Amino acid sequence: MADPAPQPEQWLEEKQIRERILQAIQSLPPEQRAVIVMRYYLEMSEADMSAKMERPLSSIKWWLRDARKRLNELIAYDRS
């Protein structure tokens, strides 16, 4: 039977990935960072984020789009 616990190498790689993601999130502008945290960590809907931040839904969608794009760029750059 396979050991369900991750191997040390796998654990270290996953830890490094989490750290890169956290650093990338921290580098975002405040509005983008807030919507990423609300969406992916707090699992809020875009409508709920709009109400919470008292901003139009279009702004929330724009910030999310820009934040995702920037995170992809930052994480891809970090890998090279």
N, C-alpha and C. Protein backbone atom coordinates (compact mmCIF):
# COMPACT_ATOMS: atom_id res chain seq x y z
N MET A 1 0.85 -1.18 0.00
CA MET A 1 0.00 0.00 0.00
C MET A 1 0.89 1.24 0.00
N ALA A 2 0.55 2.21 -0.83
CA ALA A 2 1.35 3.43 -0.96
C ALA A 2 1.21 4.31 0.28
N ASP A 3 2.29 4.97 0.63
CA ASP A 3 2.30 5.89 1.76
C ASP A 3 1.61 7.19 1.34
N PRO A 4 0.49 7.57 2.00
CA PRO A 4 -0.23 8.78 1.60
C PRO A 4 0.51 10.07 1.96
N ALA A 5 1.47 10.01 2.85
CA ALA A 5 2.22 11.21 3.23
C ALA A 5 3.14 11.63 2.09
N PRO A 6 3.19 12.94 1.81
CA PRO A 6 4.07 13.39 0.72
C PRO A 6 5.53 13.15 1.05
N GLN A 7 6.29 12.85 0.02
CA GLN A 7 7.73 12.67 0.18
C GLN A 7 8.36 14.04 0.46
N PRO A 8 9.52 14.07 1.12
CA PRO A 8 10.15 15.36 1.45
C PRO A 8 10.35 16.26 0.23
N GLU A 9 10.74 15.69 -0.91
CA GLU A 9 10.96 16.50 -2.11
C GLU A 9 9.65 17.12 -2.59
N GLN A 10 8.59 16.33 -2.56
CA GLN A 10 7.29 16.82 -2.99
C GLN A 10 6.79 17.90 -2.03
N TRP A 11 6.95 17.67 -0.74
CA TRP A 11 6.53 18.64 0.26
C TRP A 11 7.28 19.96 0.06
N LEU A 12 8.59 19.89 -0.18
CA LEU A 12 9.40 21.09 -0.37
C LEU A 12 8.98 21.84 -1.63
N GLU A 13 8.74 21.11 -2.71
CA GLU A 13 8.31 21.75 -3.95
C GLU A 13 6.97 22.45 -3.77
N GLU A 14 6.02 21.80 -3.11
CA GLU A 14 4.71 22.41 -2.86
C GLU A 14 4.84 23.64 -1.98
N LYS A 15 5.71 23.58 -1.00
CA LYS A 15 5.94 24.73 -0.11
C LYS A 15 6.52 25.90 -0.90
N GLN A 16 7.45 25.63 -1.79
CA GLN A 16 8.05 26.68 -2.61
C GLN A 16 7.03 27.30 -3.55
N ILE A 17 6.15 26.49 -4.10
CA ILE A 17 5.09 27.00 -4.97
C ILE A 17 4.16 27.92 -4.19
N ARG A 18 3.74 27.48 -2.99
CA ARG A 18 2.87 28.31 -2.16
C ARG A 18 3.55 29.63 -1.82
N GLU A 19 4.84 29.60 -1.52
CA GLU A 19 5.57 30.82 -1.20
C GLU A 19 5.64 31.76 -2.40
N ARG A 20 5.86 31.22 -3.61
CA ARG A 20 5.89 32.05 -4.82
C ARG A 20 4.54 32.70 -5.06
N ILE A 21 3.48 31.94 -4.86
CA ILE A 21 2.13 32.48 -5.06
C ILE A 21 1.86 33.58 -4.05
N LEU A 22 2.19 33.36 -2.79
CA LEU A 22 1.98 34.37 -1.75
C LEU A 22 2.77 35.64 -2.06
N GLN A 23 4.02 35.50 -2.46
CA GLN A 23 4.84 36.67 -2.81
C GLN A 23 4.22 37.42 -3.99
N ALA A 24 3.74 36.69 -4.97
CA ALA A 24 3.12 37.33 -6.14
C ALA A 24 1.86 38.08 -5.73
N ILE A 25 1.03 37.48 -4.88
CA ILE A 25 -0.19 38.14 -4.40
C ILE A 25 0.17 39.40 -3.63
N GLN A 26 1.18 39.33 -2.78
CA GLN A 26 1.58 40.49 -1.98
C GLN A 26 2.10 41.64 -2.83
N SER A 27 2.57 41.34 -4.03
CA SER A 27 3.11 42.38 -4.90
C SER A 27 2.02 43.10 -5.71
N LEU A 28 0.79 42.60 -5.67
CA LEU A 28 -0.30 43.22 -6.41
C LEU A 28 -0.72 44.54 -5.76
N PRO A 29 -1.31 45.44 -6.56
CA PRO A 29 -1.91 46.65 -5.97
C PRO A 29 -3.01 46.25 -4.99
N PRO A 30 -3.31 47.10 -4.01
CA PRO A 30 -4.26 46.73 -2.95
C PRO A 30 -5.62 46.22 -3.44
N GLU A 31 -6.21 46.87 -4.43
CA GLU A 31 -7.53 46.43 -4.90
C GLU A 31 -7.47 45.04 -5.53
N GLN A 32 -6.43 44.81 -6.32
CA GLN A 32 -6.28 43.50 -6.95
C GLN A 32 -5.99 42.42 -5.92
N ARG A 33 -5.16 42.73 -4.96
CA ARG A 33 -4.85 41.77 -3.89
C ARG A 33 -6.13 41.43 -3.13
N ALA A 34 -6.94 42.44 -2.82
CA ALA A 34 -8.18 42.22 -2.07
C ALA A 34 -9.13 41.29 -2.81
N VAL A 35 -9.33 41.53 -4.11
CA VAL A 35 -10.28 40.69 -4.84
C VAL A 35 -9.77 39.26 -5.02
N ILE A 36 -8.47 39.09 -5.16
CA ILE A 36 -7.91 37.73 -5.25
C ILE A 36 -8.14 36.98 -3.94
N VAL A 37 -7.87 37.63 -2.83
CA VAL A 37 -8.08 36.99 -1.52
C VAL A 37 -9.55 36.67 -1.32
N MET A 38 -10.43 37.62 -1.63
CA MET A 38 -11.87 37.38 -1.44
C MET A 38 -12.37 36.25 -2.34
N ARG A 39 -11.89 36.21 -3.57
CA ARG A 39 -12.39 35.21 -4.52
C ARG A 39 -11.86 33.81 -4.22
N TYR A 40 -10.56 33.69 -4.02
CA TYR A 40 -9.95 32.37 -3.95
C TYR A 40 -9.71 31.85 -2.54
N TYR A 41 -9.61 32.74 -1.57
CA TYR A 41 -9.41 32.28 -0.20
C TYR A 41 -10.71 32.32 0.60
N LEU A 42 -11.50 33.37 0.37
CA LEU A 42 -12.78 33.49 1.08
C LEU A 42 -13.94 32.95 0.26
N GLU A 43 -13.68 32.60 -1.01
CA GLU A 43 -14.66 32.02 -1.93
C GLU A 43 -15.91 32.89 -2.08
N MET A 44 -15.71 34.19 -2.16
CA MET A 44 -16.82 35.13 -2.35
C MET A 44 -17.15 35.25 -3.84
N SER A 45 -18.41 35.49 -4.12
CA SER A 45 -18.82 35.74 -5.50
C SER A 45 -18.42 37.17 -5.88
N GLU A 46 -18.41 37.43 -7.17
CA GLU A 46 -18.10 38.78 -7.63
C GLU A 46 -19.14 39.78 -7.11
N ALA A 47 -20.40 39.37 -7.07
CA ALA A 47 -21.46 40.25 -6.56
C ALA A 47 -21.24 40.56 -5.08
N ASP A 48 -20.85 39.55 -4.30
CA ASP A 48 -20.58 39.78 -2.88
C ASP A 48 -19.38 40.70 -2.69
N MET A 49 -18.35 40.52 -3.52
CA MET A 49 -17.18 41.39 -3.44
C MET A 49 -17.57 42.83 -3.76
N SER A 50 -18.41 43.00 -4.76
CA SER A 50 -18.87 44.32 -5.15
C SER A 50 -19.59 45.01 -3.99
N ALA A 51 -20.46 44.28 -3.32
CA ALA A 51 -21.18 44.83 -2.18
C ALA A 51 -20.24 45.14 -1.02
N LYS A 52 -19.34 44.23 -0.73
CA LYS A 52 -18.41 44.40 0.39
C LYS A 52 -17.49 45.60 0.17
N MET A 53 -16.98 45.75 -1.06
CA MET A 53 -16.03 46.82 -1.35
C MET A 53 -16.73 48.12 -1.77
N GLU A 54 -18.06 48.04 -1.92
CA GLU A 54 -18.85 49.20 -2.35
C GLU A 54 -18.30 49.78 -3.66
N ARG A 55 -18.07 48.88 -4.61
CA ARG A 55 -17.56 49.24 -5.93
C ARG A 55 -18.44 48.56 -6.98
N PRO A 56 -18.52 49.15 -8.17
CA PRO A 56 -19.32 48.52 -9.23
C PRO A 56 -18.79 47.12 -9.58
N LEU A 57 -19.70 46.26 -9.98
CA LEU A 57 -19.33 44.91 -10.39
C LEU A 57 -18.29 44.94 -11.51
N SER A 58 -18.41 45.91 -12.40
CA SER A 58 -17.45 46.02 -13.50
C SER A 58 -16.03 46.26 -12.98
N SER A 59 -15.89 47.02 -11.91
CA SER A 59 -14.56 47.25 -11.32
C SER A 59 -14.00 45.97 -10.73
N ILE A 60 -14.84 45.20 -10.07
CA ILE A 60 -14.41 43.93 -9.48
C ILE A 60 -13.92 43.00 -10.59
N LYS A 61 -14.69 42.89 -11.66
CA LYS A 61 -14.30 42.02 -12.77
C LYS A 61 -12.99 42.48 -13.40
N TRP A 62 -12.83 43.78 -13.54
CA TRP A 62 -11.61 44.34 -14.13
C TRP A 62 -10.40 44.03 -13.24
N TRP A 63 -10.55 44.26 -11.93
CA TRP A 63 -9.45 44.00 -10.99
C TRP A 63 -9.08 42.52 -11.00
N LEU A 64 -10.08 41.65 -11.02
CA LEU A 64 -9.80 40.21 -11.05
C LEU A 64 -9.06 39.82 -12.33
N ARG A 65 -9.51 40.33 -13.46
CA ARG A 65 -8.86 40.03 -14.73
C ARG A 65 -7.41 40.49 -14.71
N ASP A 66 -7.18 41.72 -14.28
CA ASP A 66 -5.82 42.25 -14.24
C ASP A 66 -4.96 41.50 -13.23
N ALA A 67 -5.54 41.15 -12.09
CA ALA A 67 -4.78 40.44 -11.05
C ALA A 67 -4.38 39.05 -11.54
N ARG A 68 -5.29 38.34 -12.18
CA ARG A 68 -4.97 37.01 -12.71
C ARG A 68 -3.85 37.09 -13.75
N LYS A 69 -3.97 38.08 -14.63
CA LYS A 69 -2.94 38.25 -15.66
C LYS A 69 -1.59 38.55 -15.01
N ARG A 70 -1.57 39.45 -14.05
CA ARG A 70 -0.32 39.82 -13.39
C ARG A 70 0.26 38.63 -12.62
N LEU A 71 -0.57 37.88 -11.93
CA LEU A 71 -0.09 36.70 -11.20
C LEU A 71 0.52 35.68 -12.15
N ASN A 72 -0.13 35.45 -13.27
CA ASN A 72 0.43 34.52 -14.27
C ASN A 72 1.80 34.99 -14.74
N GLU A 73 1.92 36.29 -15.00
CA GLU A 73 3.20 36.84 -15.44
C GLU A 73 4.27 36.69 -14.36
N LEU A 74 3.92 37.03 -13.12
CA LEU A 74 4.89 36.97 -12.02
C LEU A 74 5.35 35.54 -11.76
N ILE A 75 4.42 34.61 -11.76
CA ILE A 75 4.77 33.22 -11.47
C ILE A 75 5.57 32.62 -12.63
N ALA A 76 5.19 32.95 -13.86
CA ALA A 76 5.94 32.46 -15.03
C ALA A 76 7.35 33.04 -15.03
N TYR A 77 7.50 34.31 -14.70
CA TYR A 77 8.82 34.95 -14.66
C TYR A 77 9.68 34.31 -13.58
N ASP A 78 9.07 34.01 -12.45
CA ASP A 78 9.79 33.41 -11.32
C ASP A 78 10.32 32.03 -11.67
N ARG A 79 9.64 31.32 -12.57
CA ARG A 79 10.05 29.96 -12.95
C ARG A 79 11.24 29.97 -13.91
N SER A 80 11.41 31.08 -14.63
CA SER A 80 12.48 31.11 -15.64
C SER A 80 13.84 31.41 -15.05
